[in-house]
Amino acid sequence: MVRADFVLDNETTCHYLSHCMFLAEHPQPRLWSSFELGDPDSLERSVVDAADVCVCRWGWSKTTMADIASEAGISRTTVYRTYPGGRDVIFETLRRHRQLRFFHDLLEPLATGTSLESTMVDTMVLASVLLRDDEGFRTELVREPGLLLKQLTFEGLEQILGISRLVVVPQLTRFVDRREANRLAEWATRIVISHALDPSQHVDLTNRDHVEELVSRRRRRASPDLQQSNIRISESKD
């Protein structure tokens, strides 16, 4: 379970809130018309975009500051001036940038689902399709599996689960209480990550029928609140 005292770092939280992905007190988020990390024409964004290209081309471990500067069309001095912390800071910003893009793409099914089951199924299928079709992710999985595993499990899992709580949980609380929403968000996040890293021969999370069966099984093991969620939302429409 996610630690009760776990808090996202201030910079990541500010990114989410400043981009108005959602307001916790309002169940419906304001969907972005397009993704931005700050000003898309800024020097900071240019460096991050250049780093993204380089990482996809050569991998995290082989990408240098010189590569990033060359791809961005600026000097290494300018890159260091823009990101004084160097490569580690650029890479951390890139990871956050990718997370923002990923969770942005999940906002529509999260916000527009009319039942708990359909919301979870649509979101899990879309998340799995996005990871399956992400060429950079697939390349990293082959080229640098150890590093990717660290980012998605050991070192990075707490932040991923924290972001899931920040983005997914407020939408699930339309159907269940926050405690159950937290459990479901963590359950779905862990399953999607596990499937992306090591796809099962028996369950395909890009297959809606398979995901519906998984969610249905989870519902049958869940609390009475969860089992009544679809009834509650139907009654609210009458």
Foldseek 3Di string as FASTA:
>chain_A
DQDPPDDDPPVLVCQCVVVQQDDLVDLATDADPDDDRPDCPDPLNLLLVLVVVQCLVPNLVPDALCSSCVSSVHDSVVVCVSPVVGPVVSVVVNVSSVVRVLLSVLNPLLRPDLFLLSSLLVSLLVSLVCLVPPSSNVVCCVVPVPVVCCCCPPPNVSVVLNVLLVRRQSSSCLQAPSVVSSVSSSVSSVVSSVCSNPNDPVADSNDSVRSSVVVVVVQVPDDPSSVCRSVVSVVVVD
